[in-house]
Amino acid sequence: MIVVEAQPQTVSVIGEVNAPGTHPIKGQTTVIEALAMAGGFKDFANTKNITIQRSTPTGTTRIKFNYKDAIKSESKQMCVEPGDVIIVP
């Protein structure tokens, strides 16, 4: 098998962000970094009720993410995985 072209690893950010769309990621990228790549939040974004949708071999998993709690936390930040969709209501 010969690889002709490598597909870039990406994450999609949709909803109440300033630059929604698909963004390339390299290595470990946190959810906060992915949200920053999407230009940050619009004025009325619900940053306490973000959903990360992740495809798994058994289906789709939805992970709740609270941005306000994450930026206050000193613990290790959650990382995105290639193909994740971050939904900001």
C-alpha atoms as a PDB file:
ATOM      1  CA  MET A   1       0.000   0.000   0.000  1.00  0.00           C
ATOM      2  CA  ILE A   2       1.353   3.408  -0.984  1.00  0.00           C
ATOM      3  CA  VAL A   3       0.159   6.594   0.672  1.00  0.00           C
ATOM      4  CA  VAL A   4      -0.393   9.155  -2.065  1.00  0.00           C
ATOM      5  CA  GLU A   5      -1.554  12.030   0.101  1.00  0.00           C
ATOM      6  CA  ALA A   6      -1.821  12.319   3.867  1.00  0.00           C
ATOM      7  CA  GLN A   7      -5.064  13.761   5.170  1.00  0.00           C
ATOM      8  CA  PRO A   8      -4.493  16.513   7.721  1.00  0.00           C
ATOM      9  CA  GLN A   9      -5.897  15.912  11.168  1.00  0.00           C
ATOM     10  CA  THR A  10      -8.744  18.311  11.833  1.00  0.00           C
ATOM     11  CA  VAL A  11     -11.343  19.336  14.372  1.00  0.00           C
ATOM     12  CA  SER A  12     -14.596  21.133  13.529  1.00  0.00           C
ATOM     13  CA  VAL A  13     -15.997  23.947  15.645  1.00  0.00           C
ATOM     14  CA  ILE A  14     -19.584  25.047  15.004  1.00  0.00           C
ATOM     15  CA  GLY A  15     -22.117  27.329  16.612  1.00  0.00           C
ATOM     16  CA  GLU A  16     -21.558  30.578  18.472  1.00  0.00           C
ATOM     17  CA  VAL A  17     -17.893  31.136  17.569  1.00  0.00           C
ATOM     18  CA  ASN A  18     -16.403  33.870  15.409  1.00  0.00           C
ATOM     19  CA  ALA A  19     -14.751  31.581  12.829  1.00  0.00           C
ATOM     20  CA  PRO A  20     -16.712  28.315  12.643  1.00  0.00           C
ATOM     21  CA  GLY A  21     -15.369  25.579  10.423  1.00  0.00           C
ATOM     22  CA  THR A  22     -12.768  22.866  10.190  1.00  0.00           C
ATOM     23  CA  HIS A  23      -9.376  23.640  11.676  1.00  0.00           C
ATOM     24  CA  PRO A  24      -6.131  21.640  11.364  1.00  0.00           C
ATOM     25  CA  ILE A  25      -4.568  20.277  14.533  1.00  0.00           C
ATOM     26  CA  LYS A  26      -1.027  19.091  15.140  1.00  0.00           C
ATOM     27  CA  GLY A  27      -0.106  16.865  18.029  1.00  0.00           C
ATOM     28  CA  GLN A  28      -1.958  17.345  21.281  1.00  0.00           C
ATOM     29  CA  THR A  29      -4.439  20.205  21.036  1.00  0.00           C
ATOM     30  CA  THR A  30      -6.638  21.152  23.968  1.00  0.00           C
ATOM     31  CA  VAL A  31     -10.305  22.062  23.632  1.00  0.00           C
ATOM     32  CA  ILE A  32      -9.404  25.611  24.707  1.00  0.00           C
ATOM     33  CA  GLU A  33      -6.805  25.843  21.916  1.00  0.00           C
ATOM     34  CA  ALA A  34      -9.340  24.558  19.366  1.00  0.00           C
ATOM     35  CA  LEU A  35     -11.859  27.178  20.511  1.00  0.00           C
ATOM     36  CA  ALA A  36      -9.172  29.846  20.146  1.00  0.00           C
ATOM     37  CA  MET A  37      -8.482  28.658  16.569  1.00  0.00           C
ATOM     38  CA  ALA A  38     -12.192  29.229  15.930  1.00  0.00           C
ATOM     39  CA  GLY A  39     -11.783  32.891  16.844  1.00  0.00           C
ATOM     40  CA  GLY A  40     -13.296  32.747  20.317  1.00  0.00           C
ATOM     41  CA  PHE A  41     -16.914  33.108  21.297  1.00  0.00           C
ATOM     42  CA  LYS A  42     -19.684  35.339  20.006  1.00  0.00           C
ATOM     43  CA  ASP A  43     -21.389  37.601  22.557  1.00  0.00           C
ATOM     44  CA  PHE A  44     -24.214  35.235  23.515  1.00  0.00           C
ATOM     45  CA  ALA A  45     -22.386  31.887  23.412  1.00  0.00           C
ATOM     46  CA  ASN A  46     -23.298  29.481  26.208  1.00  0.00           C
ATOM     47  CA  THR A  47     -19.748  28.636  27.294  1.00  0.00           C
ATOM     48  CA  LYS A  48     -20.943  26.465  30.186  1.00  0.00           C
ATOM     49  CA  ASN A  49     -22.790  24.008  27.926  1.00  0.00           C
ATOM     50  CA  ILE A  50     -20.368  23.089  25.102  1.00  0.00           C
ATOM     51  CA  THR A  51     -20.635  19.593  23.596  1.00  0.00           C
ATOM     52  CA  ILE A  52     -17.800  17.632  22.027  1.00  0.00           C
ATOM     53  CA  GLN A  53     -19.090  15.010  19.629  1.00  0.00           C
ATOM     54  CA  ARG A  54     -16.654  12.155  19.071  1.00  0.00           C
ATOM     55  CA  SER A  55     -17.017   9.147  16.776  1.00  0.00           C
ATOM     56  CA  THR A  56     -16.069   5.836  18.353  1.00  0.00           C
ATOM     57  CA  PRO A  57     -16.093   2.301  16.958  1.00  0.00           C
ATOM     58  CA  THR A  58     -19.406   1.702  18.756  1.00  0.00           C
ATOM     59  CA  GLY A  59     -21.115   4.950  17.728  1.00  0.00           C
ATOM     60  CA  THR A  60     -21.010   8.582  18.739  1.00  0.00           C
ATOM     61  CA  THR A  61     -20.068   9.865  22.172  1.00  0.00           C
ATOM     62  CA  ARG A  62     -21.105  13.283  23.441  1.00  0.00           C
ATOM     63  CA  ILE A  63     -18.893  14.906  26.055  1.00  0.00           C
ATOM     64  CA  LYS A  64     -20.002  17.973  27.994  1.00  0.00           C
ATOM     65  CA  PHE A  65     -17.414  20.740  28.390  1.00  0.00           C
ATOM     66  CA  ASN A  66     -17.666  23.813  30.600  1.00  0.00           C
ATOM     67  CA  TYR A  67     -15.226  26.456  29.330  1.00  0.00           C
ATOM     68  CA  LYS A  68     -15.531  28.643  32.436  1.00  0.00           C
ATOM     69  CA  ASP A  69     -14.601  25.735  34.713  1.00  0.00           C
ATOM     70  CA  ALA A  70     -11.762  24.656  32.406  1.00  0.00           C
ATOM     71  CA  ILE A  71     -10.011  28.034  32.417  1.00  0.00           C
ATOM     72  CA  LYS A  72     -10.195  28.142  36.233  1.00  0.00           C
ATOM     73  CA  SER A  73      -8.887  24.599  36.652  1.00  0.00           C
ATOM     74  CA  GLU A  74      -5.240  23.859  37.326  1.00  0.00           C
ATOM     75  CA  SER A  75      -5.654  20.213  36.300  1.00  0.00           C
ATOM     76  CA  LYS A  76      -4.638  18.774  32.939  1.00  0.00           C
ATOM     77  CA  GLN A  77      -6.746  20.198  30.117  1.00  0.00           C
ATOM     78  CA  MET A  78      -8.893  17.940  27.927  1.00  0.00           C
ATOM     79  CA  CYS A  79      -7.498  17.345  24.443  1.00  0.00           C
ATOM     80  CA  VAL A  80      -9.444  17.002  21.217  1.00  0.00           C
ATOM     81  CA  GLU A  81      -9.060  14.020  18.903  1.00  0.00           C
ATOM     82  CA  PRO A  82      -8.976  14.175  15.104  1.00  0.00           C
ATOM     83  CA  GLY A  83     -12.503  14.291  13.754  1.00  0.00           C
ATOM     84  CA  ASP A  84     -14.069  15.783  16.895  1.00  0.00           C
ATOM     85  CA  VAL A  85     -16.892  18.279  16.454  1.00  0.00           C
ATOM     86  CA  ILE A  86     -17.111  21.021  19.101  1.00  0.00           C
ATOM     87  CA  ILE A  87     -20.612  22.481  19.334  1.00  0.00           C
ATOM     88  CA  VAL A  88     -21.010  25.868  21.041  1.00  0.00           C
ATOM     89  CA  PRO A  89     -24.680  26.729  21.642  1.00  0.00           C
END
